[in-house]
Amino acid sequence: MYICNCNGLNKRAIARALAEGASTPADVYRRLCCAPQCARCVPEVVELFRAARADAVEVSLDGATALA
């Protein structure tokens, strides 16, 4: 599924950038060597970024709970 038609970015490419350590939504674009053109994709990239961070925190908390 394409997230950014201007740059031809799909959900898989964005997920890869997140998995490789993108630390902000802007970093997602930098890692993919592009920038938002019309900005319609920005809210979805932000949402994917937030979801990835929430998953990371949840995994971290699950690990801390298991160790406690």
PDB file of N, CA and C in Angstrom:
ATOM      1  N   MET A   1       0.845  -1.177   0.000  1.00  0.00           N
ATOM      2  CA  MET A   1       0.000   0.000   0.000  1.00  0.00           C
ATOM      3  C   MET A   1       0.892   1.243   0.000  1.00  0.00           C
ATOM      4  N   TYR A   2       0.627   2.138  -0.943  1.00  0.00           N
ATOM      5  CA  TYR A   2       1.407   3.364  -1.019  1.00  0.00           C
ATOM      6  C   TYR A   2       0.924   4.360   0.030  1.00  0.00           C
ATOM      7  N   ILE A   3       1.892   4.934   0.719  1.00  0.00           N
ATOM      8  CA  ILE A   3       1.622   5.970   1.713  1.00  0.00           C
ATOM      9  C   ILE A   3       1.886   7.334   1.090  1.00  0.00           C
ATOM     10  N   CYS A   4       2.949   7.422   0.308  1.00  0.00           N
ATOM     11  CA  CYS A   4       3.341   8.687  -0.328  1.00  0.00           C
ATOM     12  C   CYS A   4       3.447   8.477  -1.832  1.00  0.00           C
ATOM     13  N   ASN A   5       2.480   9.004  -2.557  1.00  0.00           N
ATOM     14  CA  ASN A   5       2.501   8.873  -4.009  1.00  0.00           C
ATOM     15  C   ASN A   5       3.564   9.765  -4.650  1.00  0.00           C
ATOM     16  N   CYS A   6       3.842  10.910  -4.068  1.00  0.00           N
ATOM     17  CA  CYS A   6       4.827  11.833  -4.637  1.00  0.00           C
ATOM     18  C   CYS A   6       6.216  11.200  -4.701  1.00  0.00           C
ATOM     19  N   ASN A   7       6.565  10.467  -3.644  1.00  0.00           N
ATOM     20  CA  ASN A   7       7.884   9.841  -3.561  1.00  0.00           C
ATOM     21  C   ASN A   7       7.843   8.339  -3.816  1.00  0.00           C
ATOM     22  N   GLY A   8       6.675   7.794  -4.029  1.00  0.00           N
ATOM     23  CA  GLY A   8       6.552   6.369  -4.278  1.00  0.00           C
ATOM     24  C   GLY A   8       6.894   5.514  -3.072  1.00  0.00           C
ATOM     25  N   LEU A   9       6.580   6.011  -1.867  1.00  0.00           N
ATOM     26  CA  LEU A   9       6.891   5.271  -0.647  1.00  0.00           C
ATOM     27  C   LEU A   9       5.715   4.394  -0.251  1.00  0.00           C
ATOM     28  N   ASN A  10       6.028   3.149   0.024  1.00  0.00           N
ATOM     29  CA  ASN A  10       4.974   2.262   0.495  1.00  0.00           C
ATOM     30  C   ASN A  10       5.165   1.989   1.992  1.00  0.00           C
ATOM     31  N   LYS A  11       4.202   1.326   2.564  1.00  0.00           N
ATOM     32  CA  LYS A  11       4.225   1.056   3.998  1.00  0.00           C
ATOM     33  C   LYS A  11       5.451   0.224   4.378  1.00  0.00           C
ATOM     34  N   ARG A  12       5.855  -0.688   3.521  1.00  0.00           N
ATOM     35  CA  ARG A  12       7.019  -1.531   3.782  1.00  0.00           C
ATOM     36  C   ARG A  12       8.301  -0.702   3.907  1.00  0.00           C
ATOM     37  N   ALA A  13       8.489   0.272   3.019  1.00  0.00           N
ATOM     38  CA  ALA A  13       9.686   1.119   3.062  1.00  0.00           C
ATOM     39  C   ALA A  13       9.708   1.947   4.346  1.00  0.00           C
ATOM     40  N   ILE A  14       8.547   2.452   4.723  1.00  0.00           N
ATOM     41  CA  ILE A  14       8.466   3.250   5.949  1.00  0.00           C
ATOM     42  C   ILE A  14       8.727   2.367   7.169  1.00  0.00           C
ATOM     43  N   ALA A  15       8.168   1.170   7.172  1.00  0.00           N
ATOM     44  CA  ALA A  15       8.406   0.236   8.275  1.00  0.00           C
ATOM     45  C   ALA A  15       9.880  -0.118   8.376  1.00  0.00           C
ATOM     46  N   ARG A  16      10.552  -0.267   7.238  1.00  0.00           N
ATOM     47  CA  ARG A  16      11.985  -0.572   7.229  1.00  0.00           C
ATOM     48  C   ARG A  16      12.776   0.581   7.845  1.00  0.00           C
ATOM     49  N   ALA A  17      12.429   1.819   7.480  1.00  0.00           N
ATOM     50  CA  ALA A  17      13.114   2.983   8.048  1.00  0.00           C
ATOM     51  C   ALA A  17      12.917   3.029   9.562  1.00  0.00           C
ATOM     52  N   LEU A  18      11.726   2.706  10.008  1.00  0.00           N
ATOM     53  CA  LEU A  18      11.450   2.681  11.448  1.00  0.00           C
ATOM     54  C   LEU A  18      12.261   1.582  12.124  1.00  0.00           C
ATOM     55  N   ALA A  19      12.317   0.421  11.502  1.00  0.00           N
ATOM     56  CA  ALA A  19      13.073  -0.701  12.069  1.00  0.00           C
ATOM     57  C   ALA A  19      14.568  -0.412  12.106  1.00  0.00           C
ATOM     58  N   GLU A  20      15.033   0.401  11.171  1.00  0.00           N
ATOM     59  CA  GLU A  20      16.453   0.759  11.115  1.00  0.00           C
ATOM     60  C   GLU A  20      16.799   1.889  12.067  1.00  0.00           C
ATOM     61  N   GLY A  21      15.803   2.380  12.822  1.00  0.00           N
ATOM     62  CA  GLY A  21      16.099   3.343  13.867  1.00  0.00           C
ATOM     63  C   GLY A  21      15.699   4.780  13.626  1.00  0.00           C
ATOM     64  N   ALA A  22      14.813   5.031  12.682  1.00  0.00           N
ATOM     65  CA  ALA A  22      14.351   6.409  12.497  1.00  0.00           C
ATOM     66  C   ALA A  22      13.820   6.926  13.829  1.00  0.00           C
ATOM     67  N   SER A  23      14.306   8.085  14.237  1.00  0.00           N
ATOM     68  CA  SER A  23      13.960   8.591  15.573  1.00  0.00           C
ATOM     69  C   SER A  23      12.863   9.647  15.564  1.00  0.00           C
ATOM     70  N   THR A  24      12.498  10.139  14.404  1.00  0.00           N
ATOM     71  CA  THR A  24      11.406  11.106  14.260  1.00  0.00           C
ATOM     72  C   THR A  24      10.742  10.863  12.908  1.00  0.00           C
ATOM     73  N   PRO A  25       9.530  11.382  12.719  1.00  0.00           N
ATOM     74  CA  PRO A  25       8.929  11.263  11.385  1.00  0.00           C
ATOM     75  C   PRO A  25       9.809  11.903  10.300  1.00  0.00           C
ATOM     76  N   ALA A  26      10.440  13.018  10.595  1.00  0.00           N
ATOM     77  CA  ALA A  26      11.327  13.651   9.613  1.00  0.00           C
ATOM     78  C   ALA A  26      12.508  12.743   9.279  1.00  0.00           C
ATOM     79  N   ASP A  27      12.980  12.006  10.266  1.00  0.00           N
ATOM     80  CA  ASP A  27      14.082  11.070  10.052  1.00  0.00           C
ATOM     81  C   ASP A  27      13.661   9.938   9.120  1.00  0.00           C
ATOM     82  N   VAL A  28      12.399   9.561   9.144  1.00  0.00           N
ATOM     83  CA  VAL A  28      11.889   8.545   8.217  1.00  0.00           C
ATOM     84  C   VAL A  28      12.134   9.018   6.789  1.00  0.00           C
ATOM     85  N   TYR A  29      11.768  10.266   6.490  1.00  0.00           N
ATOM     86  CA  TYR A  29      11.967  10.805   5.141  1.00  0.00           C
ATOM     87  C   TYR A  29      13.457  10.900   4.799  1.00  0.00           C
ATOM     88  N   ARG A  30      14.271  11.371   5.739  1.00  0.00           N
ATOM     89  CA  ARG A  30      15.708  11.474   5.478  1.00  0.00           C
ATOM     90  C   ARG A  30      16.301  10.110   5.152  1.00  0.00           C
ATOM     91  N   ARG A  31      15.943   9.104   5.926  1.00  0.00           N
ATOM     92  CA  ARG A  31      16.476   7.758   5.698  1.00  0.00           C
ATOM     93  C   ARG A  31      16.043   7.202   4.346  1.00  0.00           C
ATOM     94  N   LEU A  32      14.908   7.657   3.849  1.00  0.00           N
ATOM     95  CA  LEU A  32      14.416   7.203   2.551  1.00  0.00           C
ATOM     96  C   LEU A  32      14.804   8.160   1.430  1.00  0.00           C
ATOM     97  N   CYS A  33      15.668   9.128   1.750  1.00  0.00           N
ATOM     98  CA  CYS A  33      16.213  10.088   0.775  1.00  0.00           C
ATOM     99  C   CYS A  33      15.126  10.861   0.031  1.00  0.00           C
ATOM    100  N   CYS A  34      14.167  11.353   0.791  1.00  0.00           N
ATOM    101  CA  CYS A  34      13.112  12.151   0.176  1.00  0.00           C
ATOM    102  C   CYS A  34      12.543  13.121   1.200  1.00  0.00           C
ATOM    103  N   ALA A  35      11.551  13.870   0.768  1.00  0.00           N
ATOM    104  CA  ALA A  35      10.864  14.823   1.635  1.00  0.00           C
ATOM    105  C   ALA A  35       9.411  14.893   1.184  1.00  0.00           C
ATOM    106  N   PRO A  36       8.517  15.216   2.108  1.00  0.00           N
ATOM    107  CA  PRO A  36       7.118  15.329   1.691  1.00  0.00           C
ATOM    108  C   PRO A  36       6.963  16.449   0.656  1.00  0.00           C
ATOM    109  N   GLN A  37       6.214  16.169  -0.395  1.00  0.00           N
ATOM    110  CA  GLN A  37       5.991  17.162  -1.442  1.00  0.00           C
ATOM    111  C   GLN A  37       4.651  17.860  -1.239  1.00  0.00           C
ATOM    112  N   CYS A  38       3.583  17.100  -1.263  1.00  0.00           N
ATOM    113  CA  CYS A  38       2.253  17.696  -1.084  1.00  0.00           C
ATOM    114  C   CYS A  38       1.789  17.599   0.372  1.00  0.00           C
ATOM    115  N   ALA A  39       2.492  16.804   1.161  1.00  0.00           N
ATOM    116  CA  ALA A  39       2.281  16.631   2.610  1.00  0.00           C
ATOM    117  C   ALA A  39       1.042  15.810   2.972  1.00  0.00           C
ATOM    118  N   ARG A  40       0.370  15.211   2.015  1.00  0.00           N
ATOM    119  CA  ARG A  40      -0.778  14.361   2.354  1.00  0.00           C
ATOM    120  C   ARG A  40      -0.355  13.114   3.117  1.00  0.00           C
ATOM    121  N   CYS A  41       0.870  12.677   2.947  1.00  0.00           N
ATOM    122  CA  CYS A  41       1.355  11.466   3.599  1.00  0.00           C
ATOM    123  C   CYS A  41       1.802  11.711   5.039  1.00  0.00           C
ATOM    124  N   VAL A  42       2.086  12.936   5.394  1.00  0.00           N
ATOM    125  CA  VAL A  42       2.663  13.238   6.707  1.00  0.00           C
ATOM    126  C   VAL A  42       1.826  12.695   7.863  1.00  0.00           C
ATOM    127  N   PRO A  43       0.511  12.897   7.903  1.00  0.00           N
ATOM    128  CA  PRO A  43      -0.245  12.350   9.036  1.00  0.00           C
ATOM    129  C   PRO A  43      -0.125  10.830   9.159  1.00  0.00           C
ATOM    130  N   GLU A  44      -0.086  10.125   8.043  1.00  0.00           N
ATOM    131  CA  GLU A  44       0.023   8.671   8.109  1.00  0.00           C
ATOM    132  C   GLU A  44       1.428   8.241   8.538  1.00  0.00           C
ATOM    133  N   VAL A  45       2.457   8.944   8.081  1.00  0.00           N
ATOM    134  CA  VAL A  45       3.818   8.636   8.522  1.00  0.00           C
ATOM    135  C   VAL A  45       3.931   8.888  10.028  1.00  0.00           C
ATOM    136  N   VAL A  46       3.362   9.980  10.493  1.00  0.00           N
ATOM    137  CA  VAL A  46       3.380  10.287  11.928  1.00  0.00           C
ATOM    138  C   VAL A  46       2.664   9.181  12.699  1.00  0.00           C
ATOM    139  N   GLU A  47       1.528   8.724  12.205  1.00  0.00           N
ATOM    140  CA  GLU A  47       0.782   7.664  12.884  1.00  0.00           C
ATOM    141  C   GLU A  47       1.568   6.352  12.904  1.00  0.00           C
ATOM    142  N   LEU A  48       2.225   6.007  11.798  1.00  0.00           N
ATOM    143  CA  LEU A  48       3.049   4.797  11.766  1.00  0.00           C
ATOM    144  C   LEU A  48       4.210   4.921  12.744  1.00  0.00           C
ATOM    145  N   PHE A  49       4.800   6.106  12.828  1.00  0.00           N
ATOM    146  CA  PHE A  49       5.894   6.355  13.758  1.00  0.00           C
ATOM    147  C   PHE A  49       5.414   6.186  15.199  1.00  0.00           C
ATOM    148  N   ARG A  50       4.277   6.776  15.517  1.00  0.00           N
ATOM    149  CA  ARG A  50       3.727   6.659  16.878  1.00  0.00           C
ATOM    150  C   ARG A  50       3.390   5.217  17.221  1.00  0.00           C
ATOM    151  N   ALA A  51       2.815   4.498  16.277  1.00  0.00           N
ATOM    152  CA  ALA A  51       2.475   3.095  16.515  1.00  0.00           C
ATOM    153  C   ALA A  51       3.731   2.267  16.753  1.00  0.00           C
ATOM    154  N   ALA A  52       4.784   2.530  15.985  1.00  0.00           N
ATOM    155  CA  ALA A  52       6.036   1.793  16.161  1.00  0.00           C
ATOM    156  C   ALA A  52       6.647   2.095  17.522  1.00  0.00           C
ATOM    157  N   ARG A  53       6.594   3.352  17.945  1.00  0.00           N
ATOM    158  CA  ARG A  53       7.128   3.712  19.268  1.00  0.00           C
ATOM    159  C   ARG A  53       6.301   3.076  20.376  1.00  0.00           C
ATOM    160  N   ALA A  54       4.982   3.069  20.215  1.00  0.00           N
ATOM    161  CA  ALA A  54       4.117   2.462  21.227  1.00  0.00           C
ATOM    162  C   ALA A  54       4.396   0.968  21.329  1.00  0.00           C
ATOM    163  N   ASP A  55       4.607   0.307  20.190  1.00  0.00           N
ATOM    164  CA  ASP A  55       4.942  -1.117  20.203  1.00  0.00           C
ATOM    165  C   ASP A  55       6.273  -1.347  20.912  1.00  0.00           C
ATOM    166  N   ALA A  56       7.243  -0.468  20.667  1.00  0.00           N
ATOM    167  CA  ALA A  56       8.545  -0.606  21.304  1.00  0.00           C
ATOM    168  C   ALA A  56       8.443  -0.429  22.810  1.00  0.00           C
ATOM    169  N   VAL A  57       7.654   0.520  23.248  1.00  0.00           N
ATOM    170  CA  VAL A  57       7.470   0.747  24.683  1.00  0.00           C
ATOM    171  C   VAL A  57       6.762  -0.445  25.299  1.00  0.00           C
ATOM    172  N   GLU A  58       5.761  -0.973  24.611  1.00  0.00           N
ATOM    173  CA  GLU A  58       5.024  -2.121  25.125  1.00  0.00           C
ATOM    174  C   GLU A  58       5.943  -3.328  25.264  1.00  0.00           C
ATOM    175  N   VAL A  59       6.778  -3.576  24.272  1.00  0.00           N
ATOM    176  CA  VAL A  59       7.724  -4.683  24.342  1.00  0.00           C
ATOM    177  C   VAL A  59       8.694  -4.453  25.487  1.00  0.00           C
ATOM    178  N   SER A  60       9.166  -3.219  25.627  1.00  0.00           N
ATOM    179  CA  SER A  60      10.080  -2.884  26.706  1.00  0.00           C
ATOM    180  C   SER A  60       9.427  -3.117  28.064  1.00  0.00           C
ATOM    181  N   LEU A  61       8.200  -2.682  28.216  1.00  0.00           N
ATOM    182  CA  LEU A  61       7.495  -2.873  29.477  1.00  0.00           C
ATOM    183  C   LEU A  61       7.236  -4.349  29.751  1.00  0.00           C
ATOM    184  N   ASP A  62       6.917  -5.099  28.697  1.00  0.00           N
ATOM    185  CA  ASP A  62       6.715  -6.538  28.876  1.00  0.00           C
ATOM    186  C   ASP A  62       8.006  -7.203  29.344  1.00  0.00           C
ATOM    187  N   GLY A  63       9.115  -6.781  28.774  1.00  0.00           N
ATOM    188  CA  GLY A  63      10.407  -7.338  29.189  1.00  0.00           C
ATOM    189  C   GLY A  63      10.741  -6.973  30.612  1.00  0.00           C
ATOM    190  N   ALA A  64      10.435  -5.727  31.024  1.00  0.00           N
ATOM    191  CA  ALA A  64      10.715  -5.296  32.393  1.00  0.00           C
ATOM    192  C   ALA A  64       9.826  -6.049  33.367  1.00  0.00           C
ATOM    193  N   THR A  65       8.595  -6.289  32.982  1.00  0.00           N
ATOM    194  CA  THR A  65       7.680  -7.033  33.849  1.00  0.00           C
ATOM    195  C   THR A  65       8.162  -8.461  34.013  1.00  0.00           C
ATOM    196  N   ALA A  66       8.661  -9.047  32.938  1.00  0.00           N
ATOM    197  CA  ALA A  66       9.123 -10.428  33.000  1.00  0.00           C
ATOM    198  C   ALA A  66      10.372 -10.553  33.877  1.00  0.00           C
ATOM    199  N   LEU A  67      11.166  -9.496  33.910  1.00  0.00           N
ATOM    200  CA  LEU A  67      12.387  -9.528  34.709  1.00  0.00           C
ATOM    201  C   LEU A  67      12.129  -9.233  36.173  1.00  0.00           C
ATOM    202  N   ALA A  68      11.034  -8.561  36.470  1.00  0.00           N
ATOM    203  CA  ALA A  68      10.759  -8.139  37.841  1.00  0.00           C
ATOM    204  C   ALA A  68      10.347  -9.295  38.728  1.00  0.00           C
TER     205      ALA A  68
END
